[in-house]
Amino acid sequence: MKPRFVKPVIRGTLIECTVLHIDVFGNVITNLSIRDVEKIDISSTSKVDVSFRNRTVEAVLASTYSDAGEGTLIMIMSGSQGFMELAVNRGSAAQHLGVRVGSKLTLKGKS
């Protein structure tokens, strides 16, 4: 099932995005572009709170999968598909977060 493409929703310092695709490695591809992230200035922080349902976890901003330790949730600013991607070094971000295609995530930069 593929959700119809929706744009991210910005509410102050929060941005709500949608999971568009989960690849065979469990990487979570969202509908966020770098331009969307710049609107709430996440790119100036080193960590992001990622919320899904009633759970919030911390992701580290990274350029490559190896920028963080094994098992660490990372947010890659320019994923292979041109959208922001959540991944776990040597693991599955989809399982870590408990998300599927169409899930809504909320992101907030941390100082």
Protein backbone atom coordinates (compact mmCIF):
# COMPACT_ATOMS: atom_id res chain seq x y z
CA MET A 1 0.00 0.00 0.00
CA LYS A 2 1.40 3.40 -0.95
CA PRO A 3 -0.06 6.51 0.67
CA ARG A 4 -0.85 9.39 -1.61
CA PHE A 5 1.91 11.98 -1.44
CA VAL A 6 1.28 14.55 1.26
CA LYS A 7 3.43 17.49 2.19
CA PRO A 8 4.97 17.76 5.66
CA VAL A 9 3.09 19.94 8.14
CA ILE A 10 5.06 22.58 10.06
CA ARG A 11 3.77 23.75 13.45
CA GLY A 12 6.18 26.20 15.07
CA THR A 13 9.33 24.21 15.87
CA LEU A 14 7.74 20.84 15.04
CA ILE A 15 7.41 19.16 11.68
CA GLU A 16 5.04 16.28 10.98
CA CYS A 17 6.05 13.94 8.20
CA THR A 18 4.82 10.71 6.66
CA VAL A 19 6.65 7.43 6.04
CA LEU A 20 6.68 6.95 2.25
CA HIS A 21 8.76 3.80 2.00
CA ILE A 22 10.67 1.27 4.07
CA ASP A 23 13.53 -0.37 2.21
CA VAL A 24 14.84 -3.92 2.60
CA PHE A 25 17.28 -2.77 5.31
CA GLY A 26 14.49 -1.22 7.43
CA ASN A 27 15.50 2.36 6.56
CA VAL A 28 12.52 4.70 6.83
CA ILE A 29 12.15 7.13 3.94
CA THR A 30 9.97 10.14 4.78
CA ASN A 31 8.37 12.87 2.71
CA LEU A 32 10.78 15.49 4.13
CA SER A 33 13.16 17.38 1.90
CA ILE A 34 16.16 19.33 3.11
CA ARG A 35 14.22 22.51 2.36
CA ASP A 36 11.44 21.38 4.76
CA VAL A 37 13.95 20.69 7.53
CA GLU A 38 15.60 24.09 7.06
CA LYS A 39 12.22 25.77 7.76
CA ILE A 40 12.41 24.69 11.41
CA ASP A 41 16.21 24.87 11.62
CA ILE A 42 16.78 21.21 12.51
CA SER A 43 19.96 21.27 10.44
CA SER A 44 21.65 23.51 13.05
CA THR A 45 21.28 20.88 15.80
CA SER A 46 23.04 17.57 16.22
CA LYS A 47 20.05 15.60 17.55
CA VAL A 48 16.35 15.34 16.80
CA ASP A 49 13.45 13.99 18.84
CA VAL A 50 11.37 11.61 16.72
CA SER A 51 7.86 10.92 18.03
CA PHE A 52 5.45 8.22 16.90
CA ARG A 53 2.24 7.58 18.78
CA ASN A 54 3.09 8.03 22.48
CA ARG A 55 6.82 7.34 22.18
CA THR A 56 9.73 9.73 21.58
CA VAL A 57 13.25 8.62 20.73
CA GLU A 58 16.39 10.57 19.93
CA ALA A 59 18.03 10.46 16.51
CA VAL A 60 21.49 11.75 15.68
CA LEU A 61 21.89 13.83 12.51
CA ALA A 62 24.36 12.11 10.22
CA SER A 63 25.83 12.23 6.73
CA THR A 64 26.52 8.50 6.48
CA TYR A 65 25.38 5.34 8.24
CA SER A 66 28.77 4.96 9.93
CA ASP A 67 28.63 8.43 11.56
CA ALA A 68 27.03 6.90 14.66
CA GLY A 69 27.62 3.81 16.74
CA GLU A 70 26.02 0.46 16.03
CA GLY A 71 22.34 0.40 17.02
CA THR A 72 22.05 4.20 17.03
CA LEU A 73 19.04 5.81 15.33
CA ILE A 74 20.23 8.36 12.79
CA MET A 75 18.57 10.88 10.51
CA ILE A 76 20.35 11.21 7.19
CA MET A 77 19.86 14.68 5.77
CA SER A 78 20.00 13.58 2.14
CA GLY A 79 18.95 10.00 1.74
CA SER A 80 19.44 7.90 -1.36
CA GLN A 81 15.93 8.74 -2.59
CA GLY A 82 16.26 12.53 -2.15
CA PHE A 83 14.19 12.58 1.03
CA MET A 84 15.14 12.55 4.68
CA GLU A 85 15.78 9.05 5.92
CA LEU A 86 15.81 7.46 9.36
CA ALA A 87 18.14 4.50 9.79
CA VAL A 88 19.78 2.42 12.48
CA ASN A 89 23.44 1.61 12.05
CA ARG A 90 23.45 -2.18 11.55
CA GLY A 91 19.72 -2.42 12.37
CA SER A 92 16.19 -1.58 11.28
CA ALA A 93 14.77 1.89 11.94
CA ALA A 94 11.29 0.62 11.04
CA GLN A 95 11.45 -1.99 13.80
CA HIS A 96 13.15 0.42 16.23
CA LEU A 97 10.36 2.98 15.77
CA GLY A 98 7.50 0.54 15.18
CA VAL A 99 6.42 2.34 12.00
CA ARG A 100 5.07 1.27 8.62
CA VAL A 101 4.30 3.00 5.32
CA GLY A 102 1.81 5.79 5.99
CA SER A 103 2.81 6.31 9.65
CA LYS A 104 3.00 9.93 10.83
CA LEU A 105 6.14 11.05 12.66
CA THR A 106 6.80 14.31 14.48
CA LEU A 107 10.32 15.76 14.56
CA LYS A 108 11.76 18.46 16.82
CA GLY A 109 15.36 19.67 16.87
CA LYS A 110 17.28 19.52 20.13
CA SER A 111 19.77 22.11 21.28
